[in-house]
Amino acid sequence: MTTYAALLRGINVGGSKKVPMADLRTLMTGLGYDGVRTHLQSGQAVFTSGDGDEESLAAELAGAIERHFGFPVGVIVRDHAYLKAVADACPFPAAELQAKQLHITYFSEPVDAARFAGVEPAAYLPEEFRLGDRALYLYAPDGLGRSKLAEQLSRPRLTKGLTATTRNWNTVVKLVELTG
């Protein structure tokens, strides 16, 4: 059995795509996942499964959510080893920063620097980003909501063909803990 985190994109934000966490837990248990727990209302669930891989589990959960709730939701599934490795590889001094200043965007597939070549880093200083393993690290000293760099990095032309979902550092650390 492997412990995974399911990251749901864009649910329970601004009154749209409502997915009650109790309903999500019931749905996931019905799919045969064990030990289903949710974290916050913004779309994190932890579960164990002995069947499938990250991609097949994500596809299965996304399909079940669409059938049950009536709208599509991007889902990324990652195991503990991946989540821990990404957190450990953070290029920014996480221990010295406030959680609202540091974010990770998880991608459904690997991305390379060429995808973001049109983003001029110097234009957004002191904000910065770095790429990792199917992840983008974002340092936004004034928070995500005020970040011009985050706005640029989330443009559809840069994320085309990907599921991408962002979590603040507190959530990143909690998911490592919950899947450990």
N, C-alpha and C. Protein backbone atom coordinates (compact mmCIF):
# COMPACT_ATOMS: atom_id res chain seq x y z
N MET A 1 0.85 -1.19 0.00
CA MET A 1 0.00 0.00 0.00
C MET A 1 0.89 1.25 0.00
N THR A 2 0.53 2.20 -0.83
CA THR A 2 1.25 3.46 -0.93
C THR A 2 0.33 4.58 -0.47
N THR A 3 0.89 5.56 0.23
CA THR A 3 0.11 6.71 0.66
C THR A 3 0.33 7.84 -0.34
N TYR A 4 -0.78 8.43 -0.76
CA TYR A 4 -0.79 9.48 -1.77
C TYR A 4 -1.51 10.71 -1.26
N ALA A 5 -1.22 11.83 -1.90
CA ALA A 5 -2.02 13.04 -1.75
C ALA A 5 -2.66 13.32 -3.09
N ALA A 6 -3.95 13.62 -3.07
CA ALA A 6 -4.67 14.06 -4.26
C ALA A 6 -4.83 15.57 -4.14
N LEU A 7 -4.39 16.30 -5.16
CA LEU A 7 -4.49 17.75 -5.19
C LEU A 7 -5.52 18.13 -6.24
N LEU A 8 -6.61 18.72 -5.79
CA LEU A 8 -7.69 19.10 -6.69
C LEU A 8 -7.55 20.57 -7.03
N ARG A 9 -7.67 20.88 -8.31
CA ARG A 9 -7.46 22.23 -8.79
C ARG A 9 -8.77 23.03 -8.82
N GLY A 10 -8.75 24.20 -8.18
CA GLY A 10 -9.81 25.18 -8.34
C GLY A 10 -11.17 24.85 -7.76
N ILE A 11 -11.21 24.06 -6.68
CA ILE A 11 -12.52 23.79 -6.07
C ILE A 11 -12.73 24.71 -4.87
N ASN A 12 -14.00 24.92 -4.54
CA ASN A 12 -14.40 25.67 -3.35
C ASN A 12 -13.79 27.06 -3.29
N VAL A 13 -13.63 27.69 -4.46
CA VAL A 13 -13.07 29.03 -4.53
C VAL A 13 -14.13 29.95 -5.13
N GLY A 14 -14.45 31.02 -4.43
CA GLY A 14 -15.39 32.00 -4.97
C GLY A 14 -16.78 31.48 -5.24
N GLY A 15 -17.20 30.47 -4.52
CA GLY A 15 -18.56 29.97 -4.66
C GLY A 15 -18.80 29.04 -5.83
N SER A 16 -17.75 28.71 -6.57
CA SER A 16 -17.95 27.80 -7.70
C SER A 16 -17.24 26.47 -7.43
N LYS A 17 -17.64 25.47 -8.20
CA LYS A 17 -17.08 24.12 -8.08
C LYS A 17 -17.04 23.66 -6.62
N LYS A 18 -18.21 23.66 -6.01
CA LYS A 18 -18.32 23.24 -4.62
C LYS A 18 -18.15 21.73 -4.48
N VAL A 19 -17.20 21.34 -3.67
CA VAL A 19 -16.95 19.93 -3.37
C VAL A 19 -16.82 19.82 -1.85
N PRO A 20 -17.90 19.48 -1.16
CA PRO A 20 -17.81 19.29 0.28
C PRO A 20 -16.83 18.17 0.62
N MET A 21 -15.97 18.41 1.59
CA MET A 21 -14.93 17.44 1.92
C MET A 21 -15.50 16.11 2.40
N ALA A 22 -16.61 16.14 3.11
CA ALA A 22 -17.23 14.88 3.55
C ALA A 22 -17.68 14.07 2.34
N ASP A 23 -18.25 14.73 1.34
CA ASP A 23 -18.67 14.04 0.12
C ASP A 23 -17.46 13.50 -0.65
N LEU A 24 -16.38 14.27 -0.67
CA LEU A 24 -15.17 13.81 -1.35
C LEU A 24 -14.61 12.56 -0.66
N ARG A 25 -14.58 12.56 0.67
CA ARG A 25 -14.09 11.39 1.40
C ARG A 25 -14.95 10.16 1.10
N THR A 26 -16.26 10.34 1.07
CA THR A 26 -17.18 9.24 0.77
C THR A 26 -16.94 8.73 -0.65
N LEU A 27 -16.80 9.64 -1.60
CA LEU A 27 -16.56 9.27 -2.98
C LEU A 27 -15.26 8.47 -3.12
N MET A 28 -14.21 8.95 -2.47
CA MET A 28 -12.90 8.28 -2.57
C MET A 28 -12.91 6.92 -1.89
N THR A 29 -13.61 6.82 -0.77
CA THR A 29 -13.74 5.52 -0.10
C THR A 29 -14.49 4.55 -1.00
N GLY A 30 -15.50 5.05 -1.70
CA GLY A 30 -16.26 4.22 -2.64
C GLY A 30 -15.43 3.73 -3.81
N LEU A 31 -14.34 4.43 -4.12
CA LEU A 31 -13.44 3.99 -5.19
C LEU A 31 -12.48 2.90 -4.70
N GLY A 32 -12.55 2.60 -3.39
CA GLY A 32 -11.69 1.56 -2.85
C GLY A 32 -10.43 2.07 -2.19
N TYR A 33 -10.30 3.39 -2.05
CA TYR A 33 -9.13 3.95 -1.39
C TYR A 33 -9.29 3.79 0.11
N ASP A 34 -8.19 3.58 0.80
CA ASP A 34 -8.21 3.38 2.25
C ASP A 34 -7.70 4.61 2.98
N GLY A 35 -8.10 4.76 4.23
CA GLY A 35 -7.59 5.82 5.10
C GLY A 35 -7.76 7.21 4.54
N VAL A 36 -8.87 7.47 3.88
CA VAL A 36 -9.09 8.77 3.23
C VAL A 36 -9.26 9.86 4.27
N ARG A 37 -8.44 10.90 4.14
CA ARG A 37 -8.54 12.10 4.99
C ARG A 37 -8.43 13.32 4.09
N THR A 38 -9.09 14.39 4.48
CA THR A 38 -8.96 15.64 3.73
C THR A 38 -8.26 16.66 4.60
N HIS A 39 -7.67 17.64 3.92
CA HIS A 39 -6.97 18.72 4.62
C HIS A 39 -7.48 20.04 4.05
N LEU A 40 -8.04 20.86 4.91
CA LEU A 40 -8.62 22.15 4.53
C LEU A 40 -9.77 21.94 3.54
N GLN A 41 -10.32 23.03 3.04
CA GLN A 41 -11.44 22.96 2.10
C GLN A 41 -10.99 23.20 0.66
N SER A 42 -9.70 23.41 0.48
CA SER A 42 -9.21 23.84 -0.83
C SER A 42 -8.71 22.70 -1.72
N GLY A 43 -9.04 21.47 -1.36
CA GLY A 43 -8.80 20.39 -2.30
C GLY A 43 -7.57 19.54 -2.09
N GLN A 44 -7.35 19.08 -0.88
CA GLN A 44 -6.29 18.11 -0.61
C GLN A 44 -6.91 16.91 0.07
N ALA A 45 -6.57 15.74 -0.41
CA ALA A 45 -7.01 14.51 0.24
C ALA A 45 -5.83 13.57 0.29
N VAL A 46 -5.73 12.82 1.38
CA VAL A 46 -4.67 11.83 1.56
C VAL A 46 -5.34 10.47 1.63
N PHE A 47 -4.74 9.47 0.98
CA PHE A 47 -5.33 8.14 0.96
C PHE A 47 -4.24 7.11 0.68
N THR A 48 -4.58 5.86 0.91
CA THR A 48 -3.66 4.78 0.55
C THR A 48 -4.34 3.90 -0.50
N SER A 49 -3.50 3.32 -1.34
CA SER A 49 -4.00 2.43 -2.37
C SER A 49 -2.89 1.46 -2.75
N GLY A 50 -3.27 0.26 -3.04
CA GLY A 50 -2.33 -0.73 -3.52
C GLY A 50 -2.43 -0.93 -5.01
N ASP A 51 -3.37 -0.26 -5.63
CA ASP A 51 -3.62 -0.42 -7.07
C ASP A 51 -3.31 0.88 -7.81
N GLY A 52 -2.79 0.74 -9.01
CA GLY A 52 -2.60 1.89 -9.89
C GLY A 52 -1.32 2.65 -9.63
N ASP A 53 -1.15 3.69 -10.42
CA ASP A 53 -0.04 4.60 -10.27
C ASP A 53 -0.60 6.01 -10.17
N GLU A 54 0.27 7.00 -10.04
CA GLU A 54 -0.20 8.37 -9.84
C GLU A 54 -1.13 8.83 -10.97
N GLU A 55 -0.76 8.57 -12.19
CA GLU A 55 -1.57 9.04 -13.32
C GLU A 55 -2.92 8.34 -13.40
N SER A 56 -2.93 7.02 -13.22
CA SER A 56 -4.20 6.29 -13.30
C SER A 56 -5.10 6.64 -12.12
N LEU A 57 -4.53 6.83 -10.95
CA LEU A 57 -5.34 7.22 -9.79
C LEU A 57 -5.93 8.62 -10.00
N ALA A 58 -5.13 9.54 -10.54
CA ALA A 58 -5.62 10.89 -10.81
C ALA A 58 -6.77 10.86 -11.82
N ALA A 59 -6.61 10.08 -12.88
CA ALA A 59 -7.66 9.98 -13.90
C ALA A 59 -8.92 9.36 -13.32
N GLU A 60 -8.76 8.32 -12.52
CA GLU A 60 -9.92 7.66 -11.91
C GLU A 60 -10.67 8.63 -10.99
N LEU A 61 -9.93 9.36 -10.16
CA LEU A 61 -10.57 10.30 -9.24
C LEU A 61 -11.22 11.47 -9.99
N ALA A 62 -10.53 12.00 -10.99
CA ALA A 62 -11.11 13.10 -11.78
C ALA A 62 -12.41 12.67 -12.45
N GLY A 63 -12.43 11.46 -13.00
CA GLY A 63 -13.65 10.96 -13.63
C GLY A 63 -14.79 10.78 -12.64
N ALA A 64 -14.48 10.26 -11.46
CA ALA A 64 -15.50 10.07 -10.43
C ALA A 64 -16.05 11.40 -9.94
N ILE A 65 -15.18 12.39 -9.79
CA ILE A 65 -15.62 13.73 -9.35
C ILE A 65 -16.55 14.33 -10.39
N GLU A 66 -16.18 14.23 -11.65
CA GLU A 66 -17.03 14.80 -12.70
C GLU A 66 -18.40 14.11 -12.75
N ARG A 67 -18.41 12.80 -12.64
CA ARG A 67 -19.69 12.07 -12.66
C ARG A 67 -20.55 12.44 -11.44
N HIS A 68 -19.92 12.54 -10.27
CA HIS A 68 -20.67 12.78 -9.05
C HIS A 68 -21.10 14.24 -8.89
N PHE A 69 -20.20 15.17 -9.15
CA PHE A 69 -20.49 16.59 -8.90
C PHE A 69 -20.94 17.34 -10.14
N GLY A 70 -20.71 16.77 -11.33
CA GLY A 70 -21.22 17.38 -12.55
C GLY A 70 -20.32 18.40 -13.20
N PHE A 71 -19.07 18.49 -12.80
CA PHE A 71 -18.14 19.42 -13.44
C PHE A 71 -16.73 18.81 -13.39
N PRO A 72 -15.90 19.17 -14.38
CA PRO A 72 -14.54 18.63 -14.39
C PRO A 72 -13.64 19.33 -13.36
N VAL A 73 -12.74 18.57 -12.79
CA VAL A 73 -11.75 19.10 -11.84
C VAL A 73 -10.41 18.47 -12.19
N GLY A 74 -9.40 19.31 -12.34
CA GLY A 74 -8.05 18.79 -12.55
C GLY A 74 -7.55 18.15 -11.26
N VAL A 75 -6.98 16.96 -11.37
CA VAL A 75 -6.50 16.23 -10.20
C VAL A 75 -5.06 15.80 -10.46
N ILE A 76 -4.21 16.04 -9.48
CA ILE A 76 -2.84 15.55 -9.49
C ILE A 76 -2.69 14.65 -8.27
N VAL A 77 -2.14 13.47 -8.47
CA VAL A 77 -1.89 12.54 -7.37
C VAL A 77 -0.38 12.34 -7.26
N ARG A 78 0.15 12.49 -6.05
CA ARG A 78 1.58 12.31 -5.82
C ARG A 78 1.79 11.52 -4.53
N ASP A 79 2.84 10.69 -4.52
CA ASP A 79 3.12 9.90 -3.33
C ASP A 79 4.03 10.66 -2.36
N HIS A 80 4.20 10.08 -1.18
CA HIS A 80 4.99 10.72 -0.13
C HIS A 80 6.42 11.01 -0.58
N ALA A 81 7.06 10.04 -1.22
CA ALA A 81 8.46 10.22 -1.62
C ALA A 81 8.61 11.44 -2.53
N TYR A 82 7.71 11.60 -3.47
CA TYR A 82 7.76 12.75 -4.37
C TYR A 82 7.54 14.05 -3.60
N LEU A 83 6.49 14.09 -2.78
CA LEU A 83 6.18 15.31 -2.03
C LEU A 83 7.35 15.72 -1.14
N LYS A 84 7.96 14.74 -0.47
CA LYS A 84 9.10 15.04 0.41
C LYS A 84 10.29 15.52 -0.40
N ALA A 85 10.57 14.86 -1.52
CA ALA A 85 11.71 15.27 -2.36
C ALA A 85 11.54 16.69 -2.88
N VAL A 86 10.33 17.04 -3.30
CA VAL A 86 10.08 18.39 -3.80
C VAL A 86 10.25 19.42 -2.68
N ALA A 87 9.72 19.12 -1.51
CA ALA A 87 9.88 20.05 -0.37
C ALA A 87 11.36 20.19 0.00
N ASP A 88 12.07 19.07 0.05
CA ASP A 88 13.49 19.10 0.42
C ASP A 88 14.34 19.84 -0.61
N ALA A 89 13.91 19.85 -1.86
CA ALA A 89 14.68 20.50 -2.93
C ALA A 89 14.37 21.99 -3.07
N CYS A 90 13.56 22.54 -2.20
CA CYS A 90 13.18 23.95 -2.31
C CYS A 90 14.43 24.83 -2.40
N PRO A 91 14.54 25.64 -3.45
CA PRO A 91 15.72 26.48 -3.63
C PRO A 91 15.71 27.76 -2.80
N PHE A 92 14.61 28.00 -2.11
CA PHE A 92 14.49 29.21 -1.29
C PHE A 92 14.60 28.83 0.19
N PRO A 93 15.01 29.76 1.06
CA PRO A 93 15.19 29.44 2.49
C PRO A 93 13.84 29.36 3.22
N ALA A 94 13.15 28.25 3.06
CA ALA A 94 11.79 28.09 3.58
C ALA A 94 11.70 28.38 5.07
N ALA A 95 12.68 27.96 5.84
CA ALA A 95 12.64 28.16 7.29
C ALA A 95 12.70 29.63 7.68
N GLU A 96 13.18 30.46 6.79
CA GLU A 96 13.32 31.89 7.08
C GLU A 96 12.15 32.72 6.54
N LEU A 97 11.25 32.10 5.79
CA LEU A 97 10.17 32.83 5.14
C LEU A 97 8.83 32.53 5.79
N GLN A 98 7.89 33.44 5.62
CA GLN A 98 6.51 33.19 6.03
C GLN A 98 5.88 32.27 4.99
N ALA A 99 4.96 31.44 5.44
CA ALA A 99 4.32 30.48 4.53
C ALA A 99 3.63 31.17 3.37
N LYS A 100 3.11 32.36 3.58
CA LYS A 100 2.41 33.07 2.50
C LYS A 100 3.37 33.58 1.43
N GLN A 101 4.66 33.53 1.71
CA GLN A 101 5.65 34.01 0.74
C GLN A 101 6.18 32.93 -0.19
N LEU A 102 5.96 31.68 0.16
CA LEU A 102 6.54 30.58 -0.59
C LEU A 102 5.45 29.62 -1.04
N HIS A 103 5.46 29.29 -2.32
CA HIS A 103 4.44 28.43 -2.91
C HIS A 103 5.08 27.43 -3.85
N ILE A 104 4.41 26.30 -4.01
CA ILE A 104 4.80 25.34 -5.02
C ILE A 104 3.60 25.10 -5.93
N THR A 105 3.84 25.21 -7.22
CA THR A 105 2.85 24.81 -8.21
C THR A 105 3.25 23.42 -8.68
N TYR A 106 2.34 22.48 -8.49
CA TYR A 106 2.56 21.11 -8.94
C TYR A 106 1.99 20.98 -10.34
N PHE A 107 2.75 20.32 -11.22
CA PHE A 107 2.31 20.10 -12.59
C PHE A 107 2.03 18.62 -12.83
N SER A 108 1.11 18.35 -13.74
CA SER A 108 0.76 16.97 -14.06
C SER A 108 1.87 16.27 -14.85
N GLU A 109 2.73 17.03 -15.48
CA GLU A 109 3.80 16.47 -16.30
C GLU A 109 5.07 17.29 -16.10
N PRO A 110 6.22 16.75 -16.51
CA PRO A 110 7.45 17.54 -16.42
C PRO A 110 7.35 18.79 -17.29
N VAL A 111 7.98 19.86 -16.84
CA VAL A 111 8.07 21.10 -17.61
C VAL A 111 9.55 21.46 -17.74
N ASP A 112 9.86 22.16 -18.82
CA ASP A 112 11.24 22.59 -18.97
C ASP A 112 11.31 24.11 -19.03
N ALA A 113 12.51 24.62 -18.94
CA ALA A 113 12.72 26.07 -18.89
C ALA A 113 12.21 26.76 -20.15
N ALA A 114 12.21 26.06 -21.28
CA ALA A 114 11.77 26.67 -22.53
C ALA A 114 10.32 27.15 -22.44
N ARG A 115 9.50 26.44 -21.70
CA ARG A 115 8.10 26.82 -21.53
C ARG A 115 7.97 28.22 -20.92
N PHE A 116 8.91 28.58 -20.06
CA PHE A 116 8.85 29.85 -19.33
C PHE A 116 9.88 30.86 -19.83
N ALA A 117 10.47 30.59 -20.98
CA ALA A 117 11.53 31.45 -21.52
C ALA A 117 11.07 32.89 -21.76
N GLY A 118 9.80 33.09 -22.04
CA GLY A 118 9.29 34.43 -22.29
C GLY A 118 9.06 35.27 -21.04
N VAL A 119 9.22 34.66 -19.88
CA VAL A 119 9.05 35.39 -18.61
C VAL A 119 10.40 35.97 -18.23
N GLU A 120 10.48 37.29 -18.16
CA GLU A 120 11.73 37.97 -17.82
C GLU A 120 11.84 38.11 -16.30
N PRO A 121 12.64 37.27 -15.66
CA PRO A 121 12.73 37.27 -14.19
C PRO A 121 13.05 38.64 -13.58
N ALA A 122 13.93 39.39 -14.18
CA ALA A 122 14.33 40.68 -13.61
C ALA A 122 13.17 41.66 -13.52
N ALA A 123 12.18 41.50 -14.38
CA ALA A 123 11.03 42.41 -14.40
C ALA A 123 10.14 42.24 -13.17
N TYR A 124 10.31 41.15 -12.43
CA TYR A 124 9.41 40.85 -11.31
C TYR A 124 10.10 40.86 -9.95
N LEU A 125 11.39 41.17 -9.92
CA LEU A 125 12.11 41.18 -8.64
C LEU A 125 11.43 42.10 -7.65
N PRO A 126 11.37 41.76 -6.37
CA PRO A 126 12.10 40.68 -5.71
C PRO A 126 11.43 39.31 -5.81
N GLU A 127 10.33 39.20 -6.54
CA GLU A 127 9.70 37.89 -6.72
C GLU A 127 10.61 37.03 -7.61
N GLU A 128 10.61 35.73 -7.33
CA GLU A 128 11.45 34.81 -8.10
C GLU A 128 10.75 33.47 -8.25
N PHE A 129 11.16 32.72 -9.28
CA PHE A 129 10.68 31.35 -9.42
C PHE A 129 11.82 30.46 -9.89
N ARG A 130 11.68 29.19 -9.57
CA ARG A 130 12.63 28.17 -10.01
C ARG A 130 11.82 26.92 -10.38
N LEU A 131 12.31 26.17 -11.33
CA LEU A 131 11.65 24.93 -11.72
C LEU A 131 12.26 23.76 -10.98
N GLY A 132 11.42 22.76 -10.70
CA GLY A 132 11.85 21.52 -10.08
C GLY A 132 11.22 20.35 -10.81
N ASP A 133 11.16 19.22 -10.15
CA ASP A 133 10.59 18.00 -10.71
C ASP A 133 9.07 18.10 -10.75
N ARG A 134 8.52 18.40 -11.93
CA ARG A 134 7.07 18.59 -12.10
C ARG A 134 6.54 19.61 -11.11
N ALA A 135 7.36 20.63 -10.83
CA ALA A 135 6.99 21.64 -9.84
C ALA A 135 7.65 22.97 -10.18
N LEU A 136 7.01 24.03 -9.72
CA LEU A 136 7.56 25.36 -9.82
C LEU A 136 7.53 25.98 -8.43
N TYR A 137 8.67 26.47 -8.00
CA TYR A 137 8.78 27.12 -6.70
C TYR A 137 8.64 28.63 -6.93
N LEU A 138 7.80 29.27 -6.13
CA LEU A 138 7.57 30.71 -6.28
C LEU A 138 7.81 31.41 -4.96
N TYR A 139 8.69 32.38 -4.97
CA TYR A 139 8.90 33.27 -3.83
C TYR A 139 8.18 34.56 -4.16
N ALA A 140 7.16 34.88 -3.38
CA ALA A 140 6.36 36.09 -3.56
C ALA A 140 6.29 36.81 -2.21
N PRO A 141 7.21 37.75 -1.95
CA PRO A 141 7.31 38.35 -0.62
C PRO A 141 6.04 39.03 -0.12
N ASP A 142 5.19 39.50 -1.03
CA ASP A 142 3.94 40.15 -0.61
C ASP A 142 2.74 39.21 -0.69
N GLY A 143 2.98 37.92 -0.90
CA GLY A 143 1.91 36.94 -0.96
C GLY A 143 1.43 36.69 -2.38
N LEU A 144 0.75 35.58 -2.55
CA LEU A 144 0.30 35.15 -3.87
C LEU A 144 -0.73 36.11 -4.48
N GLY A 145 -1.62 36.62 -3.65
CA GLY A 145 -2.68 37.49 -4.15
C GLY A 145 -2.19 38.79 -4.75
N ARG A 146 -1.02 39.24 -4.35
CA ARG A 146 -0.45 40.49 -4.87
C ARG A 146 0.68 40.25 -5.87
N SER A 147 0.93 39.01 -6.19
CA SER A 147 2.08 38.65 -7.01
C SER A 147 1.82 38.85 -8.49
N LYS A 148 2.58 39.74 -9.11
CA LYS A 148 2.52 39.93 -10.56
C LYS A 148 3.18 38.76 -11.28
N LEU A 149 4.21 38.19 -10.66
CA LEU A 149 4.88 37.03 -11.26
C LEU A 149 3.95 35.82 -11.28
N ALA A 150 3.24 35.58 -10.20
CA ALA A 150 2.30 34.46 -10.16
C ALA A 150 1.24 34.61 -11.25
N GLU A 151 0.76 35.83 -11.44
CA GLU A 151 -0.23 36.09 -12.48
C GLU A 151 0.35 35.74 -13.86
N GLN A 152 1.58 36.13 -14.09
CA GLN A 152 2.23 35.84 -15.37
C GLN A 152 2.45 34.34 -15.56
N LEU A 153 2.91 33.67 -14.51
CA LEU A 153 3.23 32.25 -14.60
C LEU A 153 1.99 31.36 -14.79
N SER A 154 0.83 31.87 -14.44
CA SER A 154 -0.39 31.07 -14.56
C SER A 154 -1.16 31.34 -15.85
N ARG A 155 -0.59 32.11 -16.73
CA ARG A 155 -1.26 32.40 -18.00
C ARG A 155 -1.47 31.09 -18.79
N PRO A 156 -2.63 30.96 -19.43
CA PRO A 156 -2.94 29.72 -20.16
C PRO A 156 -1.88 29.32 -21.18
N ARG A 157 -1.22 30.26 -21.82
CA ARG A 157 -0.22 29.88 -22.82
C ARG A 157 0.97 29.18 -22.18
N LEU A 158 1.22 29.42 -20.90
CA LEU A 158 2.33 28.78 -20.21
C LEU A 158 1.95 27.44 -19.59
N THR A 159 0.68 27.28 -19.29
CA THR A 159 0.23 26.03 -18.65
C THR A 159 -0.58 25.15 -19.60
N LYS A 160 -0.61 25.50 -20.86
CA LYS A 160 -1.38 24.74 -21.85
C LYS A 160 -0.98 23.27 -21.83
N GLY A 161 -2.00 22.41 -21.78
CA GLY A 161 -1.77 20.98 -21.80
C GLY A 161 -1.41 20.37 -20.46
N LEU A 162 -1.40 21.17 -19.42
CA LEU A 162 -1.03 20.71 -18.08
C LEU A 162 -2.16 20.91 -17.09
N THR A 163 -2.20 20.09 -16.08
CA THR A 163 -2.94 20.43 -14.88
C THR A 163 -1.90 21.05 -13.96
N ALA A 164 -2.22 22.21 -13.43
CA ALA A 164 -1.31 22.91 -12.53
C ALA A 164 -2.10 23.40 -11.33
N THR A 165 -1.59 23.17 -10.14
CA THR A 165 -2.27 23.63 -8.94
C THR A 165 -1.23 24.05 -7.91
N THR A 166 -1.51 25.16 -7.24
CA THR A 166 -0.54 25.79 -6.36
C THR A 166 -0.94 25.64 -4.90
N ARG A 167 0.06 25.40 -4.05
CA ARG A 167 -0.14 25.29 -2.61
C ARG A 167 0.88 26.15 -1.88
N ASN A 168 0.46 26.76 -0.75
CA ASN A 168 1.42 27.53 0.04
C ASN A 168 2.30 26.58 0.85
N TRP A 169 3.35 27.13 1.42
CA TRP A 169 4.34 26.31 2.09
C TRP A 169 3.76 25.52 3.26
N ASN A 170 2.84 26.10 4.02
CA ASN A 170 2.22 25.36 5.13
C ASN A 170 1.54 24.10 4.62
N THR A 171 0.83 24.20 3.52
CA THR A 171 0.15 23.04 2.95
C THR A 171 1.15 22.03 2.40
N VAL A 172 2.21 22.51 1.77
CA VAL A 172 3.26 21.63 1.26
C VAL A 172 3.82 20.77 2.40
N VAL A 173 4.16 21.41 3.50
CA VAL A 173 4.74 20.72 4.65
C VAL A 173 3.72 19.76 5.26
N LYS A 174 2.47 20.18 5.38
CA LYS A 174 1.42 19.33 5.96
C LYS A 174 1.19 18.10 5.09
N LEU A 175 1.22 18.22 3.79
CA LEU A 175 1.01 17.06 2.93
C LEU A 175 2.15 16.06 3.05
N VAL A 176 3.37 16.55 3.22
CA VAL A 176 4.50 15.65 3.47
C VAL A 176 4.26 14.89 4.77
N GLU A 177 3.83 15.61 5.79
CA GLU A 177 3.54 14.99 7.09
C GLU A 177 2.41 13.97 7.00
N LEU A 178 1.31 14.34 6.37
CA LEU A 178 0.14 13.47 6.30
C LEU A 178 0.37 12.21 5.47
N THR A 179 1.26 12.29 4.48
CA THR A 179 1.53 11.11 3.65
C THR A 179 2.68 10.26 4.20
N GLY A 180 3.37 10.76 5.22
CA GLY A 180 4.57 10.09 5.74
C GLY A 180 4.29 8.88 6.59
